[in-house]
């Protein structure tokens, strides 16, 4: 009890966020029932994520998921709530166990697969689709018919804040993506990759 009181005294914003989270928990759980998604074990949501689930699509969220959507929940202050979206009835969005994200946007038209123990920094976007065709004629025919390819993020990856992960990318296990990077091609396991477009800059021990 003494340690809890000391922590509340030293970091009152954390105590406030925790009380607020617990008070909002029944509302979060009700919203997930309405989304047709089972509530996972040991989830911690600091603010309600935006969930846009296309009917028929698969959305699987692992245990010990931590989502930070309130600006007060992280000193990097997310620009918006976490967004989890599927855009087609056959899309798959899977998030593994012990994943943490702050103000992250994930959009799946085909498949986005996030492994276990992945940390995603503030305001990162991961999307497997171009959203819109690249040619004027293509946009006239169907404005939403952008090309798409799966995005795979393997276990233990850390993606730095404000990064953009684009379609057809696989990020290998244990790799780190530097803040502000634009990832357009595969990243091997166990490296630091950074830049626009992102390139491996060194290996991790």
N, C-alpha and C. Protein backbone atom coordinates (compact mmCIF):
# COMPACT_ATOMS: atom_id res chain seq x y z
N UNK A 1 0.83 -1.20 0.00
CA UNK A 1 0.00 0.00 0.00
C UNK A 1 0.87 1.26 0.00
N UNK A 2 1.95 1.22 0.78
CA UNK A 2 2.85 2.36 0.85
C UNK A 2 3.45 2.67 -0.53
N UNK A 3 3.83 1.61 -1.25
CA UNK A 3 4.39 1.79 -2.59
C UNK A 3 3.37 2.38 -3.55
N UNK A 4 2.11 1.95 -3.45
CA UNK A 4 1.07 2.49 -4.30
C UNK A 4 0.84 3.97 -4.02
N UNK A 5 0.81 4.33 -2.74
CA UNK A 5 0.63 5.73 -2.38
C UNK A 5 1.79 6.58 -2.85
N UNK A 6 3.01 6.02 -2.72
CA UNK A 6 4.18 6.76 -3.18
C UNK A 6 4.14 6.97 -4.69
N UNK A 7 3.74 5.93 -5.42
CA UNK A 7 3.64 6.05 -6.88
C UNK A 7 2.59 7.08 -7.27
N UNK A 8 1.45 7.09 -6.57
CA UNK A 8 0.40 8.07 -6.85
C UNK A 8 0.87 9.48 -6.56
N UNK A 9 1.70 9.62 -5.52
CA UNK A 9 2.23 10.95 -5.16
C UNK A 9 3.26 11.43 -6.19
N UNK A 10 4.14 10.52 -6.61
CA UNK A 10 5.21 10.88 -7.54
C UNK A 10 4.70 11.08 -8.96
N UNK A 11 3.71 10.29 -9.38
CA UNK A 11 3.19 10.36 -10.76
C UNK A 11 1.66 10.43 -10.72
N UNK A 12 1.11 11.55 -10.28
CA UNK A 12 -0.35 11.64 -10.13
C UNK A 12 -1.11 11.46 -11.43
N UNK A 13 -0.50 11.80 -12.57
CA UNK A 13 -1.19 11.61 -13.85
C UNK A 13 -1.44 10.14 -14.12
N UNK A 14 -0.52 9.27 -13.71
CA UNK A 14 -0.74 7.83 -13.89
C UNK A 14 -1.89 7.35 -13.03
N UNK A 15 -1.94 7.82 -11.80
CA UNK A 15 -3.04 7.42 -10.92
C UNK A 15 -4.38 7.89 -11.48
N UNK A 16 -4.41 9.12 -11.99
CA UNK A 16 -5.64 9.64 -12.58
C UNK A 16 -6.07 8.82 -13.79
N UNK A 17 -5.11 8.48 -14.67
CA UNK A 17 -5.43 7.66 -15.84
C UNK A 17 -5.94 6.28 -15.44
N UNK A 18 -5.34 5.71 -14.39
CA UNK A 18 -5.75 4.37 -13.97
C UNK A 18 -7.17 4.39 -13.40
N UNK A 19 -7.49 5.37 -12.60
CA UNK A 19 -8.85 5.49 -12.06
C UNK A 19 -9.84 5.69 -13.19
N UNK A 20 -9.49 6.56 -14.11
CA UNK A 20 -10.37 6.84 -15.25
C UNK A 20 -10.57 5.58 -16.09
N UNK A 21 -9.49 4.81 -16.31
CA UNK A 21 -9.58 3.57 -17.09
C UNK A 21 -10.55 2.59 -16.44
N UNK A 22 -10.43 2.42 -15.13
CA UNK A 22 -11.29 1.47 -14.42
C UNK A 22 -12.75 1.91 -14.45
N UNK A 23 -12.98 3.20 -14.35
CA UNK A 23 -14.36 3.70 -14.40
C UNK A 23 -14.98 3.48 -15.79
N UNK A 24 -14.16 3.56 -16.82
CA UNK A 24 -14.66 3.42 -18.18
C UNK A 24 -14.76 1.97 -18.64
N UNK A 25 -14.21 1.04 -17.86
CA UNK A 25 -14.12 -0.36 -18.30
C UNK A 25 -15.47 -0.96 -18.70
N UNK A 26 -16.56 -0.78 -17.93
CA UNK A 26 -17.85 -1.36 -18.36
C UNK A 26 -18.30 -0.84 -19.73
N UNK A 27 -18.05 0.43 -20.00
CA UNK A 27 -18.41 1.00 -21.30
C UNK A 27 -17.60 0.37 -22.42
N UNK A 28 -16.29 0.20 -22.21
CA UNK A 28 -15.45 -0.42 -23.23
C UNK A 28 -15.93 -1.84 -23.54
N UNK A 29 -16.24 -2.59 -22.49
CA UNK A 29 -16.66 -3.97 -22.68
C UNK A 29 -17.98 -4.04 -23.45
N UNK A 30 -18.90 -3.13 -23.14
CA UNK A 30 -20.17 -3.09 -23.86
C UNK A 30 -19.96 -2.78 -25.33
N UNK A 31 -19.09 -1.83 -25.62
CA UNK A 31 -18.82 -1.48 -27.01
C UNK A 31 -18.26 -2.67 -27.78
N UNK A 32 -17.40 -3.46 -27.14
CA UNK A 32 -16.83 -4.62 -27.83
C UNK A 32 -17.89 -5.70 -28.07
N UNK A 33 -18.85 -5.82 -27.16
CA UNK A 33 -19.98 -6.72 -27.42
C UNK A 33 -20.72 -6.28 -28.68
N UNK A 34 -20.93 -4.98 -28.82
CA UNK A 34 -21.63 -4.46 -29.99
C UNK A 34 -20.82 -4.66 -31.27
N UNK A 35 -19.49 -4.66 -31.16
CA UNK A 35 -18.63 -4.92 -32.31
C UNK A 35 -18.55 -6.41 -32.65
N UNK A 36 -19.08 -7.26 -31.77
CA UNK A 36 -18.99 -8.70 -31.98
C UNK A 36 -17.61 -9.26 -31.69
N UNK A 37 -16.88 -8.59 -30.79
CA UNK A 37 -15.52 -9.00 -30.46
C UNK A 37 -15.46 -9.41 -28.99
N UNK A 38 -14.92 -10.59 -28.69
CA UNK A 38 -14.81 -11.01 -27.28
C UNK A 38 -13.78 -10.17 -26.54
N UNK A 39 -14.05 -9.90 -25.28
CA UNK A 39 -13.13 -9.13 -24.44
C UNK A 39 -11.99 -10.04 -24.01
N UNK A 40 -10.76 -9.60 -24.22
CA UNK A 40 -9.60 -10.42 -23.94
C UNK A 40 -9.15 -10.35 -22.48
N UNK A 41 -8.26 -11.26 -22.12
CA UNK A 41 -7.71 -11.32 -20.77
C UNK A 41 -6.66 -10.24 -20.57
N UNK A 42 -6.77 -9.50 -19.47
CA UNK A 42 -5.77 -8.52 -19.05
C UNK A 42 -5.58 -7.40 -20.07
N UNK A 43 -6.66 -6.97 -20.70
CA UNK A 43 -6.59 -5.80 -21.58
C UNK A 43 -6.55 -4.54 -20.74
N UNK A 44 -5.81 -3.54 -21.22
CA UNK A 44 -5.74 -2.24 -20.56
C UNK A 44 -5.91 -1.17 -21.63
N UNK A 45 -7.08 -0.53 -21.63
CA UNK A 45 -7.39 0.49 -22.62
C UNK A 45 -7.46 1.85 -21.94
N UNK A 46 -6.61 2.76 -22.36
CA UNK A 46 -6.64 4.14 -21.88
C UNK A 46 -7.30 4.98 -22.96
N UNK A 47 -8.62 4.92 -22.98
CA UNK A 47 -9.40 5.54 -24.03
C UNK A 47 -9.94 4.49 -24.98
N UNK A 48 -11.14 4.74 -25.50
CA UNK A 48 -11.79 3.79 -26.40
C UNK A 48 -11.19 3.88 -27.79
N UNK A 49 -10.69 2.77 -28.35
CA UNK A 49 -10.21 2.80 -29.74
C UNK A 49 -11.36 2.98 -30.71
N UNK A 50 -11.02 3.46 -31.89
CA UNK A 50 -11.98 3.51 -32.99
C UNK A 50 -11.92 2.16 -33.71
N UNK A 51 -13.02 1.43 -33.71
CA UNK A 51 -13.07 0.12 -34.35
C UNK A 51 -14.02 0.19 -35.54
N UNK A 52 -13.48 -0.08 -36.74
CA UNK A 52 -14.29 -0.12 -37.96
C UNK A 52 -14.12 -1.51 -38.56
N UNK A 53 -15.02 -2.40 -38.21
CA UNK A 53 -14.93 -3.79 -38.64
C UNK A 53 -15.94 -4.07 -39.73
N UNK A 54 -15.44 -4.36 -40.94
CA UNK A 54 -16.31 -4.72 -42.06
C UNK A 54 -16.99 -6.04 -41.74
N UNK A 55 -18.29 -6.11 -41.94
CA UNK A 55 -19.02 -7.33 -41.61
C UNK A 55 -18.43 -8.53 -42.36
N UNK A 56 -18.16 -9.60 -41.62
CA UNK A 56 -17.59 -10.80 -42.20
C UNK A 56 -16.09 -10.88 -42.07
N UNK A 57 -15.41 -9.76 -41.82
CA UNK A 57 -13.96 -9.77 -41.69
C UNK A 57 -13.56 -10.35 -40.33
N UNK A 58 -12.29 -10.75 -40.21
CA UNK A 58 -11.79 -11.37 -38.98
C UNK A 58 -10.88 -10.38 -38.26
N UNK A 59 -11.20 -10.15 -36.99
CA UNK A 59 -10.38 -9.27 -36.15
C UNK A 59 -10.09 -10.03 -34.86
N UNK A 60 -8.82 -10.35 -34.62
CA UNK A 60 -8.41 -11.14 -33.46
C UNK A 60 -7.39 -10.35 -32.66
N UNK A 61 -7.70 -10.12 -31.39
CA UNK A 61 -6.85 -9.30 -30.52
C UNK A 61 -6.39 -10.16 -29.35
N UNK A 62 -5.06 -10.25 -29.15
CA UNK A 62 -4.50 -11.14 -28.15
C UNK A 62 -4.60 -10.61 -26.73
N UNK A 63 -4.26 -11.48 -25.78
CA UNK A 63 -4.30 -11.12 -24.37
C UNK A 63 -3.23 -10.09 -24.03
N UNK A 64 -3.45 -9.40 -22.90
CA UNK A 64 -2.52 -8.39 -22.38
C UNK A 64 -2.28 -7.27 -23.39
N UNK A 65 -3.32 -6.92 -24.15
CA UNK A 65 -3.25 -5.83 -25.12
C UNK A 65 -3.36 -4.49 -24.38
N UNK A 66 -2.48 -3.56 -24.69
CA UNK A 66 -2.52 -2.24 -24.06
C UNK A 66 -2.62 -1.18 -25.15
N UNK A 67 -3.73 -0.44 -25.15
CA UNK A 67 -3.98 0.61 -26.13
C UNK A 67 -4.09 1.95 -25.42
N UNK A 68 -3.33 2.92 -25.90
CA UNK A 68 -3.34 4.26 -25.31
C UNK A 68 -3.88 5.25 -26.34
N UNK A 69 -5.05 5.78 -26.04
CA UNK A 69 -5.72 6.72 -26.94
C UNK A 69 -5.86 8.11 -26.35
N UNK A 70 -5.85 8.24 -25.02
CA UNK A 70 -5.93 9.55 -24.39
C UNK A 70 -4.59 10.27 -24.52
N UNK A 71 -4.58 11.56 -24.86
CA UNK A 71 -3.32 12.31 -24.87
C UNK A 71 -2.58 12.27 -23.54
N UNK A 72 -3.33 12.19 -22.44
CA UNK A 72 -2.70 12.17 -21.11
C UNK A 72 -2.08 10.83 -20.76
N UNK A 73 -2.31 9.81 -21.60
CA UNK A 73 -1.85 8.46 -21.25
C UNK A 73 -0.41 8.20 -21.68
N UNK A 74 0.19 9.12 -22.42
CA UNK A 74 1.55 8.94 -22.90
C UNK A 74 2.15 10.33 -23.11
N UNK A 75 3.37 10.58 -22.64
CA UNK A 75 3.96 11.91 -22.82
C UNK A 75 4.16 12.30 -24.27
N UNK A 76 4.13 11.31 -25.20
CA UNK A 76 4.21 11.62 -26.63
C UNK A 76 2.86 12.01 -27.21
N UNK A 77 1.81 11.96 -26.39
CA UNK A 77 0.48 12.49 -26.71
C UNK A 77 -0.03 12.09 -28.09
N UNK A 78 -0.77 10.96 -28.17
CA UNK A 78 -1.30 10.53 -29.46
C UNK A 78 -2.15 11.61 -30.12
N UNK A 79 -2.05 11.67 -31.47
CA UNK A 79 -2.83 12.65 -32.22
C UNK A 79 -4.31 12.29 -32.28
N UNK A 80 -4.60 10.99 -32.09
CA UNK A 80 -5.98 10.51 -32.18
C UNK A 80 -6.05 9.16 -31.47
N UNK A 81 -7.25 8.64 -31.22
CA UNK A 81 -7.36 7.31 -30.63
C UNK A 81 -6.75 6.23 -31.53
N UNK A 82 -6.41 5.10 -30.93
CA UNK A 82 -6.03 3.93 -31.71
C UNK A 82 -7.17 3.59 -32.68
N UNK A 83 -6.80 3.26 -33.93
CA UNK A 83 -7.79 2.90 -34.94
C UNK A 83 -7.50 1.47 -35.41
N UNK A 84 -8.51 0.60 -35.34
CA UNK A 84 -8.43 -0.77 -35.84
C UNK A 84 -9.51 -0.93 -36.90
N UNK A 85 -9.10 -1.13 -38.16
CA UNK A 85 -10.08 -1.11 -39.24
C UNK A 85 -9.84 -2.24 -40.23
N UNK A 86 -10.94 -2.85 -40.68
CA UNK A 86 -10.92 -3.78 -41.81
C UNK A 86 -11.80 -3.19 -42.91
N UNK A 87 -11.36 -3.34 -44.18
CA UNK A 87 -12.03 -2.64 -45.27
C UNK A 87 -12.75 -3.56 -46.25
N UNK A 88 -12.64 -4.87 -46.05
CA UNK A 88 -13.32 -5.82 -46.94
C UNK A 88 -13.88 -6.97 -46.08
N UNK A 89 -14.84 -7.72 -46.61
CA UNK A 89 -15.41 -8.82 -45.82
C UNK A 89 -14.44 -9.99 -45.64
N UNK A 90 -13.37 -10.04 -46.43
CA UNK A 90 -12.40 -11.13 -46.30
C UNK A 90 -11.12 -10.69 -45.58
N UNK A 91 -11.06 -9.47 -45.11
CA UNK A 91 -9.85 -8.95 -44.47
C UNK A 91 -9.60 -9.65 -43.13
N UNK A 92 -8.32 -9.74 -42.78
CA UNK A 92 -7.90 -10.32 -41.51
C UNK A 92 -6.99 -9.33 -40.79
N UNK A 93 -7.32 -9.00 -39.56
CA UNK A 93 -6.47 -8.18 -38.71
C UNK A 93 -6.21 -8.98 -37.44
N UNK A 94 -4.97 -9.38 -37.24
CA UNK A 94 -4.61 -10.18 -36.07
C UNK A 94 -3.53 -9.50 -35.28
N UNK A 95 -3.76 -9.37 -33.97
CA UNK A 95 -2.78 -8.79 -33.05
C UNK A 95 -2.46 -9.83 -31.98
N UNK A 96 -1.18 -10.08 -31.76
CA UNK A 96 -0.76 -11.11 -30.83
C UNK A 96 -0.84 -10.68 -29.36
N UNK A 97 -0.13 -11.42 -28.51
CA UNK A 97 -0.17 -11.19 -27.07
C UNK A 97 0.85 -10.13 -26.65
N UNK A 98 0.51 -9.41 -25.58
CA UNK A 98 1.40 -8.43 -24.96
C UNK A 98 1.86 -7.36 -25.95
N UNK A 99 0.92 -6.87 -26.72
CA UNK A 99 1.20 -5.82 -27.69
C UNK A 99 0.76 -4.48 -27.09
N UNK A 100 1.60 -3.46 -27.27
CA UNK A 100 1.26 -2.13 -26.80
C UNK A 100 1.34 -1.12 -27.93
N UNK A 101 0.38 -0.21 -27.96
CA UNK A 101 0.39 0.82 -29.00
C UNK A 101 -0.26 2.10 -28.50
N UNK A 102 0.18 3.22 -29.06
CA UNK A 102 -0.31 4.54 -28.67
C UNK A 102 -0.73 5.31 -29.92
N UNK A 103 -1.99 5.63 -30.03
CA UNK A 103 -2.47 6.41 -31.17
C UNK A 103 -2.15 5.77 -32.51
N UNK A 104 -2.10 4.46 -32.54
CA UNK A 104 -1.73 3.71 -33.75
C UNK A 104 -2.94 3.54 -34.66
N UNK A 105 -2.70 3.57 -35.98
CA UNK A 105 -3.73 3.25 -36.96
C UNK A 105 -3.33 1.97 -37.69
N UNK A 106 -4.20 0.97 -37.67
CA UNK A 106 -3.98 -0.27 -38.42
C UNK A 106 -5.18 -0.48 -39.33
N UNK A 107 -4.90 -0.59 -40.63
CA UNK A 107 -5.96 -0.78 -41.63
C UNK A 107 -5.64 -2.01 -42.46
N UNK A 108 -6.58 -2.94 -42.52
CA UNK A 108 -6.40 -4.19 -43.27
C UNK A 108 -7.47 -4.31 -44.34
N UNK A 109 -7.03 -4.36 -45.60
CA UNK A 109 -7.93 -4.70 -46.70
C UNK A 109 -7.77 -6.17 -47.06
N UNK A 110 -6.58 -6.73 -46.80
CA UNK A 110 -6.31 -8.14 -47.05
C UNK A 110 -5.87 -8.83 -45.76
N UNK A 111 -4.69 -8.46 -45.23
CA UNK A 111 -4.23 -9.07 -43.99
C UNK A 111 -3.15 -8.20 -43.34
N UNK A 112 -3.33 -7.91 -42.07
CA UNK A 112 -2.29 -7.32 -41.23
C UNK A 112 -2.13 -8.22 -40.02
N UNK A 113 -0.91 -8.70 -39.82
CA UNK A 113 -0.63 -9.67 -38.76
C UNK A 113 0.48 -9.12 -37.87
N UNK A 114 0.16 -8.86 -36.60
CA UNK A 114 1.11 -8.34 -35.63
C UNK A 114 1.44 -9.45 -34.64
N UNK A 115 2.73 -9.73 -34.45
CA UNK A 115 3.14 -10.81 -33.58
C UNK A 115 3.03 -10.49 -32.10
N UNK A 116 3.66 -11.32 -31.28
CA UNK A 116 3.63 -11.15 -29.83
C UNK A 116 4.70 -10.16 -29.38
N UNK A 117 4.40 -9.47 -28.27
CA UNK A 117 5.35 -8.56 -27.60
C UNK A 117 5.85 -7.46 -28.53
N UNK A 118 5.00 -7.01 -29.42
CA UNK A 118 5.33 -5.91 -30.32
C UNK A 118 4.97 -4.59 -29.65
N UNK A 119 5.89 -3.62 -29.72
CA UNK A 119 5.64 -2.27 -29.22
C UNK A 119 5.57 -1.31 -30.40
N UNK A 120 4.50 -0.54 -30.44
CA UNK A 120 4.28 0.39 -31.56
C UNK A 120 4.18 1.79 -30.98
N UNK A 121 5.14 2.64 -31.37
CA UNK A 121 5.23 3.99 -30.82
C UNK A 121 4.09 4.89 -31.24
N UNK A 122 4.09 6.08 -30.69
CA UNK A 122 2.97 7.01 -30.88
C UNK A 122 2.77 7.37 -32.35
N UNK A 123 1.50 7.32 -32.77
CA UNK A 123 1.06 7.85 -34.06
C UNK A 123 1.66 7.11 -35.27
N UNK A 124 1.90 5.82 -35.11
CA UNK A 124 2.35 4.97 -36.22
C UNK A 124 1.14 4.52 -37.03
N UNK A 125 1.33 4.39 -38.35
CA UNK A 125 0.30 3.84 -39.24
C UNK A 125 0.82 2.60 -39.93
N UNK A 126 0.03 1.53 -39.88
CA UNK A 126 0.32 0.30 -40.62
C UNK A 126 -0.88 0.03 -41.53
N UNK A 127 -0.63 -0.10 -42.82
CA UNK A 127 -1.73 -0.36 -43.73
C UNK A 127 -1.27 -1.27 -44.86
N UNK A 128 -2.13 -2.22 -45.24
CA UNK A 128 -1.79 -3.15 -46.32
C UNK A 128 -2.39 -2.73 -47.66
N UNK A 129 -2.88 -1.49 -47.74
CA UNK A 129 -3.57 -1.04 -48.94
C UNK A 129 -3.13 0.36 -49.35
N UNK A 130 -3.19 0.62 -50.67
CA UNK A 130 -2.99 1.98 -51.19
C UNK A 130 -4.25 2.83 -51.04
N UNK A 131 -5.34 2.22 -50.62
CA UNK A 131 -6.66 2.85 -50.49
C UNK A 131 -7.25 3.18 -51.87
N UNK A 132 -6.54 3.95 -52.67
CA UNK A 132 -7.08 4.39 -53.96
C UNK A 132 -6.16 3.95 -55.11
N UNK A 133 -6.71 3.68 -56.30
CA UNK A 133 -5.86 3.37 -57.45
C UNK A 133 -4.89 4.52 -57.76
N UNK A 134 -3.75 4.17 -58.35
CA UNK A 134 -2.73 5.18 -58.62
C UNK A 134 -2.99 5.96 -59.90
N UNK A 135 -3.79 5.40 -60.83
CA UNK A 135 -4.05 6.07 -62.10
C UNK A 135 -5.38 6.82 -62.05
N UNK A 136 -5.48 7.92 -62.79
CA UNK A 136 -6.76 8.63 -62.84
C UNK A 136 -7.92 7.75 -63.31
N UNK A 137 -7.66 6.93 -64.37
CA UNK A 137 -8.72 6.05 -64.87
C UNK A 137 -9.17 5.05 -63.83
N UNK A 138 -8.20 4.52 -63.10
CA UNK A 138 -8.54 3.57 -62.04
C UNK A 138 -9.40 4.19 -60.96
N UNK A 139 -9.10 5.43 -60.62
CA UNK A 139 -9.90 6.11 -59.59
C UNK A 139 -11.31 6.40 -60.09
N UNK A 140 -11.43 6.69 -61.39
CA UNK A 140 -12.77 6.92 -61.96
C UNK A 140 -13.59 5.64 -61.92
N UNK A 141 -12.95 4.50 -62.24
CA UNK A 141 -13.69 3.23 -62.26
C UNK A 141 -14.11 2.80 -60.86
N UNK A 142 -13.19 2.93 -59.89
CA UNK A 142 -13.51 2.53 -58.51
C UNK A 142 -12.53 3.22 -57.57
N UNK A 143 -12.98 4.26 -56.91
CA UNK A 143 -12.11 5.09 -56.07
C UNK A 143 -11.50 4.31 -54.91
N UNK A 144 -12.14 3.20 -54.52
CA UNK A 144 -11.66 2.43 -53.36
C UNK A 144 -10.86 1.19 -53.73
N UNK A 145 -10.54 1.03 -55.02
CA UNK A 145 -9.90 -0.21 -55.48
C UNK A 145 -8.38 -0.12 -55.48
N UNK A 146 -7.81 0.41 -54.42
CA UNK A 146 -6.36 0.47 -54.32
C UNK A 146 -5.74 -0.90 -54.18
N UNK A 147 -4.50 -1.05 -54.65
CA UNK A 147 -3.79 -2.33 -54.53
C UNK A 147 -3.53 -2.65 -53.07
N UNK A 148 -3.48 -3.95 -52.75
CA UNK A 148 -3.19 -4.33 -51.36
C UNK A 148 -2.36 -5.60 -51.33
N UNK A 149 -1.50 -5.70 -50.31
CA UNK A 149 -0.67 -6.87 -50.04
C UNK A 149 -0.50 -6.98 -48.53
N UNK A 150 -0.39 -8.19 -48.00
CA UNK A 150 -0.33 -8.36 -46.53
C UNK A 150 0.87 -7.65 -45.90
N UNK A 151 0.66 -7.24 -44.67
CA UNK A 151 1.72 -6.70 -43.82
C UNK A 151 1.91 -7.66 -42.65
N UNK A 152 3.15 -8.08 -42.42
CA UNK A 152 3.47 -9.01 -41.33
C UNK A 152 4.52 -8.36 -40.44
N UNK A 153 4.21 -8.25 -39.15
CA UNK A 153 5.18 -7.77 -38.16
C UNK A 153 5.43 -8.93 -37.20
N UNK A 154 6.64 -9.46 -37.20
CA UNK A 154 6.95 -10.63 -36.40
C UNK A 154 7.15 -10.27 -34.93
N UNK A 155 7.38 -11.28 -34.10
CA UNK A 155 7.46 -11.10 -32.65
C UNK A 155 8.58 -10.13 -32.25
N UNK A 156 8.35 -9.42 -31.14
CA UNK A 156 9.37 -8.62 -30.46
C UNK A 156 9.89 -7.44 -31.28
N UNK A 157 9.12 -6.98 -32.22
CA UNK A 157 9.49 -5.79 -33.00
C UNK A 157 9.13 -4.53 -32.22
N UNK A 158 9.94 -3.49 -32.39
CA UNK A 158 9.65 -2.17 -31.82
C UNK A 158 9.62 -1.18 -32.97
N UNK A 159 8.48 -0.50 -33.16
CA UNK A 159 8.30 0.48 -34.24
C UNK A 159 8.26 1.86 -33.60
N UNK A 160 9.21 2.72 -33.98
CA UNK A 160 9.30 4.05 -33.41
C UNK A 160 8.18 4.97 -33.86
N UNK A 161 7.97 6.02 -33.08
CA UNK A 161 6.86 6.95 -33.29
C UNK A 161 6.86 7.56 -34.69
N UNK A 162 5.64 7.85 -35.16
CA UNK A 162 5.42 8.55 -36.43
C UNK A 162 5.93 7.78 -37.65
N UNK A 163 6.10 6.48 -37.54
CA UNK A 163 6.52 5.68 -38.68
C UNK A 163 5.31 5.27 -39.52
N UNK A 164 5.60 4.91 -40.78
CA UNK A 164 4.56 4.48 -41.72
C UNK A 164 5.00 3.15 -42.31
N UNK A 165 4.18 2.12 -42.10
CA UNK A 165 4.47 0.78 -42.61
C UNK A 165 3.49 0.51 -43.74
N UNK A 166 4.01 0.30 -44.95
CA UNK A 166 3.16 0.21 -46.13
C UNK A 166 2.98 -1.24 -46.59
N UNK A 167 2.14 -1.41 -47.58
CA UNK A 167 1.68 -2.73 -48.02
C UNK A 167 2.84 -3.63 -48.46
N UNK A 168 2.64 -4.94 -48.27
CA UNK A 168 3.59 -5.93 -48.75
C UNK A 168 4.86 -6.06 -47.94
N UNK A 169 4.89 -5.51 -46.73
CA UNK A 169 6.10 -5.47 -45.92
C UNK A 169 6.08 -6.57 -44.86
N UNK A 170 7.22 -7.20 -44.64
CA UNK A 170 7.42 -8.08 -43.49
C UNK A 170 8.58 -7.53 -42.68
N UNK A 171 8.34 -7.32 -41.38
CA UNK A 171 9.39 -6.86 -40.47
C UNK A 171 9.80 -8.05 -39.61
N UNK A 172 11.07 -8.42 -39.70
CA UNK A 172 11.57 -9.61 -39.04
C UNK A 172 11.62 -9.50 -37.53
N UNK A 173 11.61 -10.65 -36.87
CA UNK A 173 11.54 -10.72 -35.40
C UNK A 173 12.67 -9.93 -34.75
N UNK A 174 12.31 -9.18 -33.72
CA UNK A 174 13.28 -8.47 -32.90
C UNK A 174 13.84 -7.21 -33.50
N UNK A 175 13.39 -6.81 -34.67
CA UNK A 175 13.93 -5.61 -35.30
C UNK A 175 13.33 -4.34 -34.72
N UNK A 176 14.04 -3.23 -34.92
CA UNK A 176 13.62 -1.91 -34.45
C UNK A 176 13.51 -0.99 -35.66
N UNK A 177 12.39 -0.29 -35.76
CA UNK A 177 12.17 0.68 -36.83
C UNK A 177 12.33 2.07 -36.23
N UNK A 178 13.28 2.85 -36.74
CA UNK A 178 13.55 4.17 -36.20
C UNK A 178 12.37 5.11 -36.36
N UNK A 179 12.27 6.07 -35.45
CA UNK A 179 11.16 7.03 -35.46
C UNK A 179 11.10 7.76 -36.80
N UNK A 180 9.88 7.94 -37.29
CA UNK A 180 9.66 8.69 -38.51
C UNK A 180 10.01 7.97 -39.78
N UNK A 181 10.22 6.67 -39.72
CA UNK A 181 10.61 5.91 -40.91
C UNK A 181 9.41 5.60 -41.80
N UNK A 182 9.69 5.41 -43.09
CA UNK A 182 8.69 4.94 -44.05
C UNK A 182 9.18 3.59 -44.58
N UNK A 183 8.48 2.52 -44.19
CA UNK A 183 8.93 1.16 -44.52
C UNK A 183 8.17 0.69 -45.74
N UNK A 184 8.90 0.50 -46.85
CA UNK A 184 8.28 0.11 -48.11
C UNK A 184 8.72 -1.26 -48.59
N UNK A 185 9.70 -1.87 -47.90
CA UNK A 185 10.18 -3.20 -48.29
C UNK A 185 10.55 -3.98 -47.04
N UNK A 186 10.78 -5.28 -47.20
CA UNK A 186 11.01 -6.16 -46.05
C UNK A 186 12.23 -5.71 -45.23
N UNK A 187 12.11 -5.93 -43.91
CA UNK A 187 13.19 -5.66 -42.97
C UNK A 187 13.60 -7.00 -42.37
N UNK A 188 14.89 -7.37 -42.43
CA UNK A 188 15.30 -8.68 -41.88
C UNK A 188 15.21 -8.70 -40.36
N UNK A 189 15.26 -9.88 -39.77
CA UNK A 189 15.22 -9.97 -38.30
C UNK A 189 16.47 -9.36 -37.66
N UNK A 190 16.30 -8.83 -36.45
CA UNK A 190 17.42 -8.45 -35.62
C UNK A 190 18.24 -7.28 -36.11
N UNK A 191 17.59 -6.29 -36.74
CA UNK A 191 18.33 -5.10 -37.20
C UNK A 191 17.60 -3.84 -36.76
N UNK A 192 18.33 -2.72 -36.83
CA UNK A 192 17.72 -1.40 -36.75
C UNK A 192 17.58 -0.89 -38.17
N UNK A 193 16.37 -0.50 -38.55
CA UNK A 193 16.11 0.06 -39.87
C UNK A 193 15.52 1.46 -39.69
N UNK A 194 15.95 2.38 -40.54
CA UNK A 194 15.48 3.76 -40.40
C UNK A 194 15.57 4.47 -41.74
N UNK A 195 14.81 5.56 -41.86
CA UNK A 195 14.89 6.41 -43.04
C UNK A 195 13.65 6.35 -43.90
N UNK A 196 13.71 7.07 -45.02
CA UNK A 196 12.63 7.12 -46.00
C UNK A 196 13.24 7.02 -47.39
N UNK A 197 13.16 5.83 -48.02
CA UNK A 197 12.60 4.58 -47.47
C UNK A 197 13.54 3.95 -46.46
N UNK A 198 12.98 3.18 -45.52
CA UNK A 198 13.77 2.60 -44.45
C UNK A 198 14.75 1.56 -44.98
N UNK A 199 15.96 1.58 -44.43
CA UNK A 199 17.01 0.62 -44.75
C UNK A 199 17.65 0.15 -43.46
N UNK A 200 18.13 -1.09 -43.44
CA UNK A 200 18.85 -1.59 -42.27
C UNK A 200 20.13 -0.78 -42.09
N UNK A 201 20.34 -0.25 -40.89
CA UNK A 201 21.53 0.57 -40.63
C UNK A 201 22.52 -0.14 -39.72
N UNK A 202 22.06 -1.11 -38.94
CA UNK A 202 23.01 -1.92 -38.15
C UNK A 202 22.29 -3.13 -37.61
N UNK A 203 23.09 -4.13 -37.22
CA UNK A 203 22.54 -5.32 -36.60
C UNK A 203 22.46 -5.13 -35.09
N UNK A 204 21.49 -5.78 -34.50
CA UNK A 204 21.36 -5.78 -33.05
C UNK A 204 22.07 -6.98 -32.47
N UNK A 205 22.68 -6.79 -31.31
CA UNK A 205 23.35 -7.91 -30.63
C UNK A 205 22.30 -8.84 -30.07
